[in-house]
Protein backbone atom coordinates (compact mmCIF):
# COMPACT_ATOMS: atom_id res chain seq x y z
CA MET A 1 -167.21 101.22 62.84
CA SER A 2 -166.07 101.24 66.36
CA ARG A 3 -168.45 100.11 69.20
CA VAL A 4 -168.69 103.58 70.55
CA LYS A 5 -169.39 105.21 67.21
CA SER A 6 -171.97 102.42 66.49
CA ILE A 7 -173.82 103.08 69.78
CA ASP A 8 -173.79 106.82 69.01
CA ALA A 9 -175.28 106.30 65.51
CA VAL A 10 -178.09 104.08 66.91
CA THR A 11 -178.85 106.66 69.57
CA ARG A 12 -179.06 109.36 67.10
CA HIS A 13 -181.21 107.29 64.78
CA GLY A 14 -183.44 106.66 67.62
CA SER A 15 -183.71 110.16 68.65
CA ALA A 16 -184.38 111.34 65.03
CA GLN A 17 -187.07 108.67 64.67
CA LEU A 18 -188.73 109.87 67.99
CA LEU A 19 -188.81 113.52 66.82
CA LEU A 20 -189.68 112.88 63.23
CA TRP A 21 -192.55 110.47 64.03
CA SER A 22 -193.87 113.02 66.46
CA ALA A 23 -193.73 115.84 63.88
CA PHE A 24 -194.70 114.16 60.69
CA TYR A 25 -197.24 111.52 61.78
CA TYR A 26 -198.65 111.74 65.38
CA LEU A 27 -199.01 115.56 65.25
CA LEU A 28 -201.77 115.14 62.64
CA PRO A 29 -204.26 113.08 64.73
CA ALA A 30 -203.40 115.14 67.83
CA LEU A 31 -204.15 118.36 66.08
CA LEU A 32 -207.46 117.20 64.53
CA PRO A 33 -209.75 118.52 67.41
CA HIS A 34 -208.11 121.84 67.32
CA MET A 35 -208.11 122.29 63.62
CA SER A 36 -211.86 121.21 63.33
CA ASP A 37 -212.70 123.71 66.10
CA ASP A 38 -211.08 126.42 63.97
CA GLY A 39 -213.65 125.83 61.07
CA LEU A 40 -211.83 123.24 59.07
CA LEU A 41 -214.01 120.29 57.99
CA LEU A 42 -213.04 117.06 59.74
CA ASN A 43 -213.85 114.93 56.62
CA ASP A 44 -211.35 117.07 54.56
CA LEU A 45 -208.68 116.72 57.18
CA THR A 46 -209.07 112.89 57.64
CA GLY A 47 -209.33 112.30 53.88
CA ALA A 48 -206.04 114.24 53.47
CA ILE A 49 -204.41 112.15 56.21
CA THR A 50 -205.52 108.97 54.55
CA ILE A 51 -204.08 110.08 51.13
CA ALA A 52 -200.86 111.19 52.75
CA ALA A 53 -200.59 107.58 54.05
CA LEU A 54 -201.17 106.33 50.50
CA VAL A 55 -198.46 108.65 49.24
CA TRP A 56 -196.22 107.36 51.93
CA ALA A 57 -196.92 103.75 50.91
CA ALA A 58 -196.35 104.42 47.19
CA LEU A 59 -192.95 106.17 47.72
CA ILE A 60 -191.39 103.66 50.23
CA PRO A 61 -189.96 101.47 47.45
CA VAL A 62 -188.43 104.52 45.79
CA ALA A 63 -186.90 105.50 49.09
CA GLY A 64 -185.66 101.97 49.46
CA ARG A 65 -183.85 102.08 46.15
CA LEU A 66 -182.04 105.26 47.16
CA VAL A 67 -180.91 103.55 50.29
CA ASP A 68 -179.52 100.56 48.12
CA ARG A 69 -177.59 103.05 46.15
CA GLY A 70 -175.90 104.44 49.13
CA HIS A 71 -177.97 107.73 49.49
CA GLY A 72 -180.00 106.86 52.48
CA ILE A 73 -178.66 109.37 54.88
CA ALA A 74 -178.84 112.19 52.44
CA MET A 75 -182.34 111.24 51.46
CA MET A 76 -183.49 111.19 55.09
CA ARG A 77 -181.90 114.67 55.61
CA ILE A 78 -183.51 116.20 52.41
CA GLY A 79 -186.74 114.50 53.23
CA GLY A 80 -186.71 115.82 56.70
CA VAL A 81 -186.04 119.37 55.53
CA ILE A 82 -188.94 119.14 53.03
CA GLY A 83 -191.12 117.91 55.97
CA VAL A 84 -190.05 120.98 58.07
CA GLY A 85 -190.94 123.28 55.18
CA LEU A 86 -194.32 121.77 54.79
CA LEU A 87 -195.05 122.18 58.45
CA VAL A 88 -194.17 125.87 58.31
CA LEU A 89 -196.35 126.11 55.05
CA MET A 90 -199.41 124.72 57.01
CA THR A 91 -199.39 127.74 59.15
CA PHE A 92 -200.05 130.45 56.57
CA VAL A 93 -201.64 128.76 53.50
CA PRO A 94 -205.36 129.37 52.81
CA TYR A 95 -207.48 126.77 54.38
CA ALA A 96 -208.68 125.47 50.98
CA ALA A 97 -205.01 124.57 50.32
CA LEU A 98 -204.33 122.94 53.69
CA PRO A 99 -205.46 119.48 52.72
CA LEU A 100 -202.96 119.53 49.84
CA VAL A 101 -200.02 120.35 52.23
CA ILE A 102 -201.06 117.58 54.50
CA VAL A 103 -201.16 115.06 51.56
CA ALA A 104 -197.64 116.28 50.62
CA LEU A 105 -196.37 115.25 54.11
CA GLY A 106 -196.48 111.58 52.78
CA VAL A 107 -193.27 112.44 51.02
CA PRO A 108 -191.11 113.04 54.18
CA MET A 109 -192.97 110.14 55.79
CA ALA A 110 -191.57 107.86 53.21
CA ALA A 111 -188.09 109.38 53.25
CA THR A 112 -187.58 109.46 57.05
CA LEU A 113 -189.86 107.17 59.09
CA TYR A 114 -188.59 103.71 60.08
CA ASP A 115 -188.01 101.69 56.88
CA PRO A 116 -185.10 103.72 55.46
CA CYS A 117 -183.51 103.77 58.84
CA PHE A 118 -183.86 100.01 59.12
CA ALA A 119 -182.58 99.40 55.75
CA ILE A 120 -179.50 101.51 56.49
CA LEU A 121 -178.83 99.62 59.82
CA LEU A 122 -179.32 96.17 58.02
CA ARG A 123 -177.13 97.13 55.19
CA THR A 124 -174.50 98.20 57.52
CA THR A 125 -174.44 95.21 59.97
CA GLY A 126 -176.79 92.57 58.56
CA LEU A 127 -178.83 90.57 61.09
CA ASP A 128 -176.54 92.03 63.81
CA ALA A 129 -178.64 95.08 63.53
CA ARG A 130 -181.43 93.32 65.56
CA ARG A 131 -180.44 95.01 68.75
CA ALA A 132 -179.84 98.33 66.98
CA ILE A 133 -183.39 98.29 65.35
CA THR A 134 -184.94 97.24 68.67
CA THR A 135 -183.16 100.20 70.49
CA VAL A 136 -184.30 102.62 67.73
CA THR A 137 -187.93 101.52 68.11
CA LEU A 138 -187.75 101.56 71.87
CA ILE A 139 -186.76 105.25 71.76
CA ALA A 140 -189.22 106.10 68.86
CA GLY A 141 -191.96 104.38 70.77
CA LEU A 142 -192.11 107.34 73.12
CA ALA A 143 -193.42 109.52 70.23
CA THR A 144 -197.13 109.35 71.37
CA LEU A 145 -196.13 110.27 74.88
CA LEU A 146 -194.25 113.26 73.56
CA THR A 147 -196.86 114.42 70.95
CA PHE A 148 -200.22 114.22 72.50
CA PRO A 149 -199.40 115.95 75.92
CA LEU A 150 -197.20 118.55 74.19
CA VAL A 151 -199.99 119.41 71.64
CA MET A 152 -202.54 119.74 74.62
CA LEU A 153 -200.12 121.97 76.50
CA VAL A 154 -199.07 124.28 73.53
CA ALA A 155 -202.72 124.58 72.43
CA THR A 156 -203.61 126.19 75.74
CA ILE A 157 -201.22 129.06 74.91
CA TRP A 158 -201.33 129.38 71.08
CA PRO A 159 -203.70 128.40 68.26
CA TRP A 160 -203.05 125.30 66.20
CA GLN A 161 -200.76 127.15 63.95
CA GLY A 162 -198.38 127.87 66.90
CA VAL A 163 -198.41 124.18 67.81
CA VAL A 164 -197.40 123.31 64.24
CA LEU A 165 -194.56 125.73 64.40
CA VAL A 166 -193.29 124.13 67.72
CA PHE A 167 -193.30 120.80 65.90
CA ALA A 168 -191.41 122.29 62.96
CA VAL A 169 -188.61 123.03 65.34
CA ILE A 170 -188.82 119.57 66.89
CA ALA A 171 -188.58 118.21 63.16
CA SER A 172 -185.57 120.34 62.67
CA LEU A 173 -183.95 118.83 65.73
CA GLY A 174 -184.87 115.34 64.32
CA VAL A 175 -183.09 116.16 61.05
CA ALA A 176 -180.09 117.36 62.95
CA SER A 177 -180.00 114.16 64.97
CA ILE A 178 -179.59 111.94 61.87
CA PRO A 179 -176.12 110.49 61.92
CA ASP A 180 -173.45 111.45 59.36
CA GLY A 181 -173.31 109.77 56.00
CA GLY A 182 -170.57 107.55 57.18
CA SER A 183 -173.16 105.35 58.91
CA ASP A 184 -174.69 104.69 55.47
CA THR A 185 -171.62 103.00 54.28
CA ALA A 186 -169.80 101.63 57.32
CA SER A 187 -166.25 100.35 57.35
CA ASN A 188 -167.63 96.80 57.82
CA PRO A 189 -170.69 96.53 55.66
CA VAL A 190 -172.64 93.47 54.95
CA ASP A 191 -171.67 91.38 51.99
CA VAL A 192 -174.09 92.24 49.16
CA SER A 193 -172.52 89.87 46.61
CA SER A 194 -174.68 87.00 47.61
CA PRO A 195 -175.51 84.42 44.93
CA VAL A 196 -177.98 85.49 42.29
CA ARG A 197 -181.44 84.07 43.17
CA SER A 198 -184.41 83.28 41.00
CA PRO A 199 -186.51 86.40 40.64
CA LEU A 200 -189.58 84.24 40.94
CA ARG A 201 -188.38 82.93 44.31
CA THR A 202 -187.69 86.35 45.47
CA ARG A 203 -191.12 87.62 44.55
CA MET A 204 -192.59 84.57 46.34
CA ASN A 205 -190.45 85.24 49.48
CA LEU A 206 -191.64 88.88 49.32
CA VAL A 207 -195.22 87.83 49.37
CA LEU A 208 -194.78 85.18 52.06
CA ILE A 209 -193.30 88.00 54.29
CA SER A 210 -195.62 90.86 53.24
CA VAL A 211 -198.99 89.07 53.62
CA PRO A 212 -198.79 87.90 57.29
CA PHE A 213 -197.21 91.05 58.54
CA GLY A 214 -199.71 93.14 56.61
CA LEU A 215 -202.64 91.14 57.91
CA ALA A 216 -201.33 91.78 61.41
CA MET A 217 -201.18 95.63 60.65
CA PHE A 218 -204.73 95.30 59.36
CA SER A 219 -206.06 93.66 62.64
CA HIS A 220 -204.15 96.23 64.86
CA ALA A 221 -205.43 99.16 62.93
CA ALA A 222 -209.01 97.94 63.11
CA LEU A 223 -208.70 97.50 66.82
CA LEU A 224 -207.01 100.88 67.30
CA PHE A 225 -209.72 102.79 65.48
CA LEU A 226 -212.89 100.72 66.26
CA LEU A 227 -212.39 99.20 69.69
CA PRO A 228 -212.89 102.70 71.49
CA LEU A 229 -216.16 103.21 69.66
CA ALA A 230 -217.33 99.71 70.40
CA LEU A 231 -216.50 99.94 74.02
CA LEU A 232 -218.37 103.25 74.29
CA LYS A 233 -221.42 101.60 72.78
CA ILE A 234 -221.24 98.71 75.14
CA ASN A 235 -220.40 100.53 78.33
CA GLY A 236 -221.76 104.05 77.70
CA ALA A 237 -219.96 107.26 77.70
CA ASN A 238 -217.76 108.58 80.46
CA SER A 239 -216.50 105.25 81.41
CA TRP A 240 -213.22 103.35 81.81
CA ALA A 241 -213.60 102.47 78.03
CA LEU A 242 -212.22 105.89 77.06
CA TYR A 243 -208.95 105.36 78.75
CA LEU A 244 -207.86 101.67 78.19
CA PRO A 245 -206.83 102.01 74.57
CA ALA A 246 -204.21 104.39 75.67
CA ILE A 247 -202.24 101.36 77.02
CA LEU A 248 -201.34 100.23 73.47
CA GLY A 249 -198.33 102.57 73.31
CA PRO A 250 -196.54 101.77 76.57
CA ALA A 251 -197.38 98.04 75.75
CA GLN A 252 -195.51 98.23 72.45
CA ILE A 253 -192.38 99.64 74.34
CA ALA A 254 -192.59 96.86 76.77
CA GLY A 255 -192.81 94.30 74.01
CA ARG A 256 -189.77 95.75 72.31
CA ALA A 257 -187.91 95.69 75.59
CA LEU A 258 -188.77 92.06 76.19
CA TRP A 259 -187.62 91.30 72.57
CA ARG A 260 -184.42 93.13 73.16
CA ARG A 261 -183.61 90.81 76.06
CA MET A 262 -184.60 87.79 73.98
CA ALA A 263 -183.37 88.70 70.62
CA LEU A 264 -180.28 86.55 70.43
CA ARG A 265 -182.09 83.33 71.60
CA GLY A 266 -183.77 82.45 68.36
CA LYS A 267 -184.01 83.20 64.64
CA PRO A 268 -186.27 85.79 63.28
CA LYS A 269 -188.55 83.34 61.21
CA GLY A 270 -189.12 81.16 64.07
CA ALA A 271 -189.84 84.10 66.47
CA ALA A 272 -192.34 85.44 63.84
CA SER A 273 -194.27 82.05 63.82
CA VAL A 274 -194.58 82.25 67.68
CA MET A 275 -195.64 85.89 67.44
CA PHE A 276 -198.35 85.29 65.01
CA ALA A 277 -199.63 82.42 67.08
CA LEU A 278 -199.82 84.67 70.19
CA PHE A 279 -201.72 87.31 68.06
CA LEU A 280 -204.71 85.02 68.15
CA LEU A 281 -205.00 85.63 71.99
CA PRO A 282 -206.27 89.29 71.92
CA PRO A 283 -209.43 88.65 69.81
CA MET A 284 -210.03 85.38 71.64
CA ILE A 285 -210.09 87.26 75.04
CA LEU A 286 -212.22 90.09 73.62
CA LEU A 287 -214.79 87.35 72.36
CA VAL A 288 -214.91 85.99 75.84
CA SER A 289 -214.91 89.14 77.78
CA PRO A 290 -215.97 92.09 75.63
CA SER A 291 -217.38 94.31 78.37
CA HIS A 292 -215.15 93.66 81.42
CA TRP A 293 -212.36 96.12 81.91
CA ALA A 294 -209.87 93.53 83.10
CA GLY A 295 -210.40 91.36 80.00
CA VAL A 296 -210.11 94.27 77.61
CA LEU A 297 -206.98 95.55 79.43
CA LEU A 298 -205.38 92.11 79.17
CA ALA A 299 -206.20 91.92 75.41
CA LEU A 300 -204.77 95.39 74.85
CA LEU A 301 -201.64 94.63 76.75
CA ILE A 302 -200.99 91.54 74.70
CA GLN A 303 -201.90 93.21 71.41
CA GLY A 304 -199.67 96.27 72.12
CA GLY A 305 -196.63 94.11 73.13
CA LEU A 306 -196.92 91.86 70.18
CA TYR A 307 -197.34 94.73 67.80
CA GLY A 308 -194.13 96.31 69.29
CA ILE A 309 -192.30 93.13 68.38
CA HIS A 310 -193.94 92.99 65.01
CA THR A 311 -192.26 96.36 64.06
CA VAL A 312 -188.83 94.87 64.87
CA LEU A 313 -189.33 91.43 63.36
CA ARG A 314 -190.67 92.65 60.02
CA PRO A 315 -187.26 94.07 58.68
CA LEU A 316 -185.34 91.21 60.33
CA VAL A 317 -187.20 88.43 58.76
CA ALA A 318 -187.05 90.27 55.44
CA ALA A 319 -183.26 90.69 55.73
CA SER A 320 -182.87 87.00 56.54
CA VAL A 321 -184.32 85.78 53.32
CA LEU A 322 -184.32 88.60 50.71
CA PRO A 323 -181.31 89.66 48.69
CA MET A 324 -179.18 92.25 50.58
CA SER A 325 -178.22 94.04 47.36
CA SER A 326 -181.79 95.33 47.03
CA LEU A 327 -182.81 95.14 50.62
CA GLY A 328 -183.98 98.83 50.80
CA GLN A 329 -186.33 98.35 47.88
CA THR A 330 -187.75 95.01 49.10
CA LEU A 331 -188.28 96.41 52.62
CA GLY A 332 -190.05 99.21 51.07
CA SER A 333 -192.35 96.79 49.07
CA VAL A 334 -193.10 94.82 52.29
CA ALA A 335 -193.97 98.17 54.08
CA THR A 336 -196.08 99.44 51.20
CA ILE A 337 -198.38 96.21 51.44
CA GLY A 338 -198.68 96.62 55.22
CA LEU A 339 -199.49 100.26 55.02
CA LEU A 340 -202.30 99.70 52.40
CA MET A 341 -203.80 97.02 54.62
CA MET A 342 -203.53 99.31 57.67
CA ALA A 343 -205.24 102.21 55.60
CA ALA A 344 -208.12 99.89 54.60
CA ALA A 345 -208.73 98.50 58.03
CA PRO A 346 -210.87 101.21 59.68
CA ALA A 347 -213.15 101.40 56.71
CA LEU A 348 -213.59 97.61 56.14
CA GLY A 349 -213.82 96.91 59.90
CA GLY A 350 -216.45 99.52 60.26
CA VAL A 351 -218.57 98.03 57.59
CA VAL A 352 -218.19 94.63 59.35
CA MET A 353 -219.10 96.07 62.74
CA GLN A 354 -222.05 97.92 61.38
CA ASN A 355 -223.52 94.67 59.90
CA LEU A 356 -222.35 92.04 62.27
CA GLY A 357 -221.76 93.88 65.44
CA PHE A 358 -218.74 93.99 67.83
CA GLN A 359 -218.70 90.31 68.23
CA GLY A 360 -218.76 89.80 64.48
CA LEU A 361 -215.83 92.26 64.13
CA ILE A 362 -213.77 90.51 66.72
CA ALA A 363 -214.51 87.05 65.18
CA SER A 364 -213.39 88.49 61.74
CA LEU A 365 -210.24 89.78 63.17
CA LEU A 366 -209.66 86.41 64.77
CA ALA A 367 -209.97 85.01 61.30
CA VAL A 368 -207.54 87.54 59.90
CA ASN A 369 -204.96 86.70 62.54
CA LEU A 370 -205.38 82.95 61.91
CA ALA A 371 -204.85 83.56 58.21
CA ALA A 372 -201.70 85.53 59.00
CA LEU A 373 -200.50 82.52 61.21
CA GLY A 374 -201.21 79.99 58.44
CA VAL A 375 -199.25 82.03 55.92
CA ALA A 376 -196.45 82.50 58.41
CA VAL A 377 -196.15 78.83 59.18
CA PHE A 378 -196.29 77.91 55.51
CA GLY A 379 -193.92 80.77 54.71
CA LYS A 380 -191.45 79.71 57.37
CA PHE A 381 -191.22 76.15 55.63
CA GLU A 382 -190.87 77.70 52.29
CA LEU A 383 -188.35 80.36 53.31
CA GLN A 384 -186.29 77.79 55.05
CA GLY A 385 -186.33 75.91 51.78
CA ARG A 386 -185.15 79.11 50.02
CA ALA A 387 -182.26 79.15 52.29
CA ARG A 388 -181.11 75.75 51.14
CA TRP A 389 -181.82 76.57 47.52
CA THR A 390 -178.77 77.27 45.25
CA PRO A 391 -178.71 78.60 41.72
CA SER A 392 -178.46 75.84 39.09
């Protein structure tokens, strides 16, 4: 693939991810207030979103196997079309059936969002895809800035059904932006005929990658959902506490931009160990300064920037140690574990905060991040050992 065509494919992947993340994922939380005002039960809606995330998690390995067989682009396009159809269906089904349609959105999420795209880029160019993946996430990182203001604007004109139809059009544009199938099997693909490795070693590598990245997703999701509530309790309503968590999105973009400039200076496994060490800083800052806006802002800036890098490093670390011939499936397994931890975080974190208070929650998240660092440091040693291992 020529450099110009490669840049065009990456740009189109990034545009597709921006539009599809907006339509299939961020639209749901942005719509919740408008849908609940229309008589829909909030618990039914949030429960459906949770189950949709579980469907997403369960189907990612299946999507990965399709990528491994060379059907990634076709799968993304078909999944995107299904998602457009489900969005349209949301606008006229009876309210009793609406949660089922939301649950079904887990299918296009698994088929289109990030991991299949990452697997295609990695299978095409191997670890040289680090800049491409970073570029895609930089573009897609604007999804929250597109979704929430647009929902607020359109909702002033039309009911929530009209908002959904607007995002169905956006999803259609996302499907149209997915590059041609040629980018799924480029003219210079990675070598997938690597030596056969021990299945036990492969499973161990999978665990050593999945656990620390999944623990970081758990900690981030707990902060995202529970920190605003905790800040309101500490500082009272109508305060700066309502606005600071919004910095997480821009901070993720800044973190990815920084990583893009530094990507070629180190290996993914080493960079991951440094990242997990730095993940200790946000909870430490919140423990010291839980009620001062400057301390909370600093913690959120660091957390958001590191999580933006986390999104890029996860597939790169996996690609550096897992068999390329089944990379799509193994990336899917890594993502599944992370999504399950992310889905459990609000509920488990809420129980901890209810019983131990905000300080207890932050201390628990510090322990979670410390465990992630421990597994990452141990995993780095073991994974480097795997790189020297040869079949007997």
